Amino acid sequence: MNLSELFSASIDPKYKAFHEKLIPGHTILGIRTPVLEQYAKTLDPSFLETPLESSYEYSLLYGFVLGRAKLDLSSRLRYLKKWLPYNTNWASNDMVCARQKWMRKHKQEVLSF
């Protein structure tokens, strides 16, 4: 399944309506987090080179891949910097940052960043 198939096949209208109330003013497609997490497991780190899109779910997917990818610290920080402008709400911040276990290992470098 490619990304456009995922996004078109996984839309849950009730979930979409719920999230639109939580984070108004953002593009919400209505794809549940477990679906995104499972799909993130199928993507390799080259996905991080693709241009980011402005939907809530795409931002989450990017962050989930960043958290799982085997990368050196400078690459992680570069991709994190690319993601930060798309981190425009508390929900994506919480969902993505909680999955960045590498940050604990590099706490000082991340704080300096």
N, C-alpha and C. Protein backbone atom coordinates (compact mmCIF):
# COMPACT_ATOMS: atom_id res chain seq x y z
N MET A 1 0.85 -1.18 0.00
CA MET A 1 0.00 0.00 0.00
C MET A 1 0.90 1.24 0.00
N ASN A 2 0.63 2.15 -0.91
CA ASN A 2 1.40 3.38 -0.93
C ASN A 2 0.71 4.44 -0.05
N LEU A 3 1.35 5.58 0.08
CA LEU A 3 0.86 6.61 0.98
C LEU A 3 -0.51 7.14 0.59
N SER A 4 -0.74 7.38 -0.68
CA SER A 4 -2.06 7.89 -1.09
C SER A 4 -3.15 6.85 -0.86
N GLU A 5 -2.83 5.58 -1.06
CA GLU A 5 -3.80 4.51 -0.77
C GLU A 5 -4.10 4.45 0.72
N LEU A 6 -3.07 4.58 1.54
CA LEU A 6 -3.27 4.59 2.99
C LEU A 6 -4.20 5.71 3.38
N PHE A 7 -3.91 6.90 2.88
CA PHE A 7 -4.69 8.07 3.27
C PHE A 7 -6.13 7.99 2.77
N SER A 8 -6.36 7.39 1.62
CA SER A 8 -7.73 7.32 1.12
C SER A 8 -8.51 6.16 1.74
N ALA A 9 -7.84 5.08 2.09
CA ALA A 9 -8.53 3.89 2.59
C ALA A 9 -8.77 3.89 4.09
N SER A 10 -8.08 4.73 4.82
CA SER A 10 -8.10 4.64 6.28
C SER A 10 -8.86 5.76 6.98
N ILE A 11 -9.58 6.53 6.25
CA ILE A 11 -10.28 7.68 6.84
C ILE A 11 -11.46 7.22 7.68
N ASP A 12 -11.51 7.74 8.89
CA ASP A 12 -12.60 7.44 9.83
C ASP A 12 -13.31 8.78 10.12
N PRO A 13 -14.50 8.99 9.57
CA PRO A 13 -15.18 10.29 9.72
C PRO A 13 -15.43 10.71 11.17
N LYS A 14 -15.75 9.77 12.04
CA LYS A 14 -15.99 10.12 13.45
C LYS A 14 -14.69 10.56 14.13
N TYR A 15 -13.62 9.87 13.83
CA TYR A 15 -12.31 10.23 14.38
C TYR A 15 -11.88 11.61 13.87
N LYS A 16 -12.13 11.85 12.59
CA LYS A 16 -11.81 13.14 11.98
C LYS A 16 -12.57 14.26 12.69
N ALA A 17 -13.86 14.09 12.89
CA ALA A 17 -14.68 15.12 13.56
C ALA A 17 -14.20 15.35 14.99
N PHE A 18 -13.86 14.29 15.68
CA PHE A 18 -13.36 14.41 17.06
C PHE A 18 -12.07 15.23 17.09
N HIS A 19 -11.12 14.90 16.22
CA HIS A 19 -9.84 15.61 16.20
C HIS A 19 -9.99 17.06 15.73
N GLU A 20 -10.92 17.31 14.85
CA GLU A 20 -11.12 18.70 14.40
C GLU A 20 -11.59 19.57 15.56
N LYS A 21 -12.29 18.99 16.52
CA LYS A 21 -12.70 19.74 17.72
C LYS A 21 -11.52 19.96 18.66
N LEU A 22 -10.62 18.98 18.73
CA LEU A 22 -9.46 19.09 19.62
C LEU A 22 -8.43 20.09 19.12
N ILE A 23 -8.20 20.09 17.83
CA ILE A 23 -7.19 20.97 17.24
C ILE A 23 -7.78 21.69 16.03
N PRO A 24 -8.64 22.67 16.31
CA PRO A 24 -9.30 23.39 15.21
C PRO A 24 -8.29 24.16 14.34
N GLY A 25 -8.67 24.31 13.09
CA GLY A 25 -7.84 25.07 12.17
C GLY A 25 -6.73 24.28 11.51
N HIS A 26 -6.67 22.98 11.75
CA HIS A 26 -5.64 22.13 11.15
C HIS A 26 -6.29 21.17 10.16
N THR A 27 -5.51 20.73 9.18
CA THR A 27 -6.00 19.76 8.22
C THR A 27 -5.93 18.37 8.85
N ILE A 28 -7.09 17.81 9.11
CA ILE A 28 -7.21 16.49 9.71
C ILE A 28 -7.84 15.56 8.67
N LEU A 29 -7.18 14.46 8.39
CA LEU A 29 -7.71 13.51 7.42
C LEU A 29 -8.63 12.50 8.08
N GLY A 30 -8.34 12.14 9.33
CA GLY A 30 -9.17 11.18 10.05
C GLY A 30 -8.60 9.77 10.06
N ILE A 31 -7.28 9.64 10.09
CA ILE A 31 -6.64 8.33 10.14
C ILE A 31 -6.19 8.07 11.57
N ARG A 32 -6.59 6.95 12.10
CA ARG A 32 -6.26 6.62 13.49
C ARG A 32 -4.76 6.37 13.67
N THR A 33 -4.27 6.71 14.84
CA THR A 33 -2.84 6.60 15.15
C THR A 33 -2.30 5.19 14.98
N PRO A 34 -2.96 4.13 15.44
CA PRO A 34 -2.39 2.79 15.24
C PRO A 34 -2.17 2.44 13.76
N VAL A 35 -3.03 2.93 12.89
CA VAL A 35 -2.85 2.69 11.45
C VAL A 35 -1.57 3.39 10.97
N LEU A 36 -1.36 4.62 11.43
CA LEU A 36 -0.16 5.36 11.05
C LEU A 36 1.10 4.69 11.61
N GLU A 37 1.01 4.23 12.86
CA GLU A 37 2.17 3.56 13.47
C GLU A 37 2.54 2.29 12.70
N GLN A 38 1.56 1.51 12.32
CA GLN A 38 1.83 0.29 11.56
C GLN A 38 2.44 0.63 10.20
N TYR A 39 1.91 1.65 9.56
CA TYR A 39 2.44 2.04 8.25
C TYR A 39 3.87 2.58 8.39
N ALA A 40 4.14 3.30 9.46
CA ALA A 40 5.49 3.85 9.68
C ALA A 40 6.53 2.73 9.75
N LYS A 41 6.14 1.59 10.27
CA LYS A 41 7.05 0.45 10.37
C LYS A 41 7.45 -0.09 9.00
N THR A 42 6.67 0.20 7.98
CA THR A 42 6.97 -0.30 6.63
C THR A 42 7.86 0.65 5.84
N LEU A 43 8.07 1.84 6.36
CA LEU A 43 8.83 2.86 5.63
C LEU A 43 10.29 2.87 6.07
N ASP A 44 11.18 3.04 5.12
CA ASP A 44 12.58 3.16 5.51
C ASP A 44 12.94 4.64 5.68
N PRO A 45 14.12 4.91 6.23
CA PRO A 45 14.49 6.31 6.52
C PRO A 45 14.50 7.25 5.31
N SER A 46 14.55 6.71 4.10
CA SER A 46 14.53 7.58 2.92
C SER A 46 13.22 8.37 2.84
N PHE A 47 12.18 7.89 3.51
CA PHE A 47 10.91 8.63 3.58
C PHE A 47 11.13 10.03 4.16
N LEU A 48 12.10 10.16 5.04
CA LEU A 48 12.37 11.46 5.69
C LEU A 48 12.89 12.51 4.71
N GLU A 49 13.30 12.07 3.53
CA GLU A 49 13.77 13.01 2.51
C GLU A 49 12.62 13.62 1.71
N THR A 50 11.44 13.04 1.80
CA THR A 50 10.31 13.56 1.04
C THR A 50 9.84 14.88 1.63
N PRO A 51 9.28 15.74 0.80
CA PRO A 51 8.74 17.00 1.34
C PRO A 51 7.59 16.72 2.30
N LEU A 52 7.56 17.47 3.36
CA LEU A 52 6.46 17.32 4.33
C LEU A 52 5.19 17.95 3.78
N GLU A 53 4.07 17.39 4.17
CA GLU A 53 2.77 17.95 3.82
C GLU A 53 2.13 18.47 5.09
N SER A 54 1.11 19.28 4.94
CA SER A 54 0.59 20.01 6.09
C SER A 54 -0.48 19.28 6.90
N SER A 55 -0.83 18.06 6.55
CA SER A 55 -1.87 17.40 7.33
C SER A 55 -1.31 16.89 8.66
N TYR A 56 -2.18 16.83 9.64
CA TYR A 56 -1.85 16.32 10.96
C TYR A 56 -1.28 14.90 10.86
N GLU A 57 -1.93 14.05 10.09
CA GLU A 57 -1.50 12.66 9.98
C GLU A 57 -0.15 12.52 9.29
N TYR A 58 0.10 13.32 8.27
CA TYR A 58 1.39 13.24 7.59
C TYR A 58 2.50 13.67 8.54
N SER A 59 2.25 14.69 9.33
CA SER A 59 3.23 15.14 10.32
C SER A 59 3.51 14.03 11.32
N LEU A 60 2.47 13.34 11.78
CA LEU A 60 2.65 12.23 12.70
C LEU A 60 3.47 11.11 12.06
N LEU A 61 3.12 10.76 10.84
CA LEU A 61 3.82 9.69 10.14
C LEU A 61 5.31 10.01 10.03
N TYR A 62 5.62 11.23 9.65
CA TYR A 62 7.02 11.65 9.55
C TYR A 62 7.72 11.50 10.90
N GLY A 63 7.07 11.96 11.95
CA GLY A 63 7.66 11.86 13.28
C GLY A 63 7.83 10.43 13.75
N PHE A 64 6.88 9.56 13.42
CA PHE A 64 6.99 8.16 13.79
C PHE A 64 8.18 7.50 13.09
N VAL A 65 8.36 7.82 11.81
CA VAL A 65 9.50 7.26 11.08
C VAL A 65 10.80 7.80 11.67
N LEU A 66 10.85 9.06 11.99
CA LEU A 66 12.05 9.64 12.59
C LEU A 66 12.39 8.93 13.90
N GLY A 67 11.40 8.62 14.70
CA GLY A 67 11.64 7.94 15.96
C GLY A 67 12.15 6.52 15.80
N ARG A 68 11.79 5.86 14.72
CA ARG A 68 12.17 4.45 14.49
C ARG A 68 13.47 4.29 13.69
N ALA A 69 13.81 5.28 12.90
CA ALA A 69 14.93 5.15 11.97
C ALA A 69 16.26 5.01 12.70
N LYS A 70 17.15 4.24 12.11
CA LYS A 70 18.50 4.11 12.64
C LYS A 70 19.35 5.18 11.95
N LEU A 71 19.60 6.26 12.67
CA LEU A 71 20.31 7.41 12.13
C LEU A 71 21.33 7.91 13.13
N ASP A 72 22.34 8.62 12.63
CA ASP A 72 23.26 9.27 13.57
C ASP A 72 22.60 10.54 14.10
N LEU A 73 23.18 11.10 15.14
CA LEU A 73 22.56 12.24 15.80
C LEU A 73 22.41 13.45 14.88
N SER A 74 23.41 13.75 14.08
CA SER A 74 23.30 14.93 13.22
C SER A 74 22.16 14.77 12.21
N SER A 75 21.97 13.56 11.68
CA SER A 75 20.85 13.33 10.76
C SER A 75 19.52 13.48 11.48
N ARG A 76 19.43 12.92 12.68
CA ARG A 76 18.18 13.05 13.45
C ARG A 76 17.84 14.52 13.69
N LEU A 77 18.82 15.30 14.09
CA LEU A 77 18.57 16.72 14.37
C LEU A 77 18.19 17.46 13.09
N ARG A 78 18.79 17.09 11.97
CA ARG A 78 18.45 17.72 10.69
C ARG A 78 16.98 17.43 10.33
N TYR A 79 16.57 16.19 10.48
CA TYR A 79 15.18 15.82 10.18
C TYR A 79 14.21 16.42 11.20
N LEU A 80 14.64 16.49 12.44
CA LEU A 80 13.80 17.12 13.46
C LEU A 80 13.58 18.59 13.12
N LYS A 81 14.64 19.25 12.68
CA LYS A 81 14.53 20.66 12.30
C LYS A 81 13.57 20.83 11.11
N LYS A 82 13.60 19.89 10.20
CA LYS A 82 12.68 19.92 9.05
C LYS A 82 11.23 19.76 9.52
N TRP A 83 11.01 18.94 10.56
CA TRP A 83 9.66 18.66 11.05
C TRP A 83 9.10 19.79 11.90
N LEU A 84 9.93 20.50 12.64
CA LEU A 84 9.46 21.49 13.60
C LEU A 84 8.47 22.52 13.05
N PRO A 85 8.64 23.06 11.85
CA PRO A 85 7.63 24.01 11.35
C PRO A 85 6.24 23.39 11.16
N TYR A 86 6.18 22.06 11.08
CA TYR A 86 4.89 21.37 10.91
C TYR A 86 4.31 20.93 12.26
N ASN A 87 5.04 21.18 13.31
CA ASN A 87 4.60 20.85 14.66
C ASN A 87 3.81 22.05 15.19
N THR A 88 2.59 22.15 14.76
CA THR A 88 1.80 23.36 15.02
C THR A 88 0.68 23.15 16.03
N ASN A 89 0.68 22.02 16.72
CA ASN A 89 -0.37 21.78 17.70
C ASN A 89 0.13 20.84 18.78
N TRP A 90 -0.54 20.87 19.90
CA TRP A 90 -0.12 20.07 21.05
C TRP A 90 -0.23 18.57 20.78
N ALA A 91 -1.21 18.16 19.99
CA ALA A 91 -1.44 16.74 19.77
C ALA A 91 -0.28 16.10 19.00
N SER A 92 0.14 16.72 17.90
CA SER A 92 1.26 16.14 17.16
C SER A 92 2.54 16.23 17.96
N ASN A 93 2.71 17.30 18.71
CA ASN A 93 3.90 17.43 19.56
C ASN A 93 3.97 16.27 20.55
N ASP A 94 2.89 16.02 21.25
CA ASP A 94 2.87 14.94 22.24
C ASP A 94 3.07 13.57 21.59
N MET A 95 2.38 13.33 20.49
CA MET A 95 2.45 12.02 19.84
C MET A 95 3.85 11.73 19.28
N VAL A 96 4.44 12.73 18.65
CA VAL A 96 5.75 12.52 18.02
C VAL A 96 6.86 12.53 19.06
N CYS A 97 6.87 13.51 19.93
CA CYS A 97 7.98 13.63 20.88
C CYS A 97 8.06 12.44 21.84
N ALA A 98 6.94 11.87 22.19
CA ALA A 98 6.94 10.70 23.07
C ALA A 98 7.63 9.50 22.43
N ARG A 99 7.75 9.49 21.12
CA ARG A 99 8.35 8.36 20.41
C ARG A 99 9.82 8.60 20.04
N GLN A 100 10.38 9.68 20.48
CA GLN A 100 11.77 10.00 20.14
C GLN A 100 12.70 9.53 21.27
N LYS A 101 12.80 8.23 21.44
CA LYS A 101 13.60 7.68 22.54
C LYS A 101 15.08 8.05 22.43
N TRP A 102 15.54 8.31 21.25
CA TRP A 102 16.93 8.70 21.05
C TRP A 102 17.26 10.00 21.76
N MET A 103 16.25 10.83 22.02
CA MET A 103 16.49 12.11 22.69
C MET A 103 17.01 11.92 24.11
N ARG A 104 16.59 10.86 24.77
CA ARG A 104 17.05 10.60 26.14
C ARG A 104 18.54 10.32 26.16
N LYS A 105 19.00 9.60 25.17
CA LYS A 105 20.42 9.24 25.08
C LYS A 105 21.29 10.46 24.80
N HIS A 106 20.73 11.44 24.10
CA HIS A 106 21.49 12.63 23.68
C HIS A 106 20.87 13.89 24.29
N LYS A 107 20.53 13.82 25.54
CA LYS A 107 19.78 14.89 26.20
C LYS A 107 20.47 16.25 26.07
N GLN A 108 21.75 16.33 26.35
CA GLN A 108 22.46 17.62 26.30
C GLN A 108 22.49 18.19 24.90
N GLU A 109 22.75 17.35 23.91
CA GLU A 109 22.80 17.83 22.54
C GLU A 109 21.44 18.32 22.07
N VAL A 110 20.40 17.60 22.48
CA VAL A 110 19.05 17.99 22.08
C VAL A 110 18.66 19.31 22.77
N LEU A 111 18.99 19.45 24.04
CA LEU A 111 18.70 20.70 24.74
C LEU A 111 19.44 21.87 24.10
N SER A 112 20.68 21.66 23.69
CA SER A 112 21.43 22.71 23.00
C SER A 112 20.81 23.06 21.66
N PHE A 113 20.31 22.05 20.98
CA PHE A 113 19.66 22.22 19.69
C PHE A 113 18.45 23.12 19.83
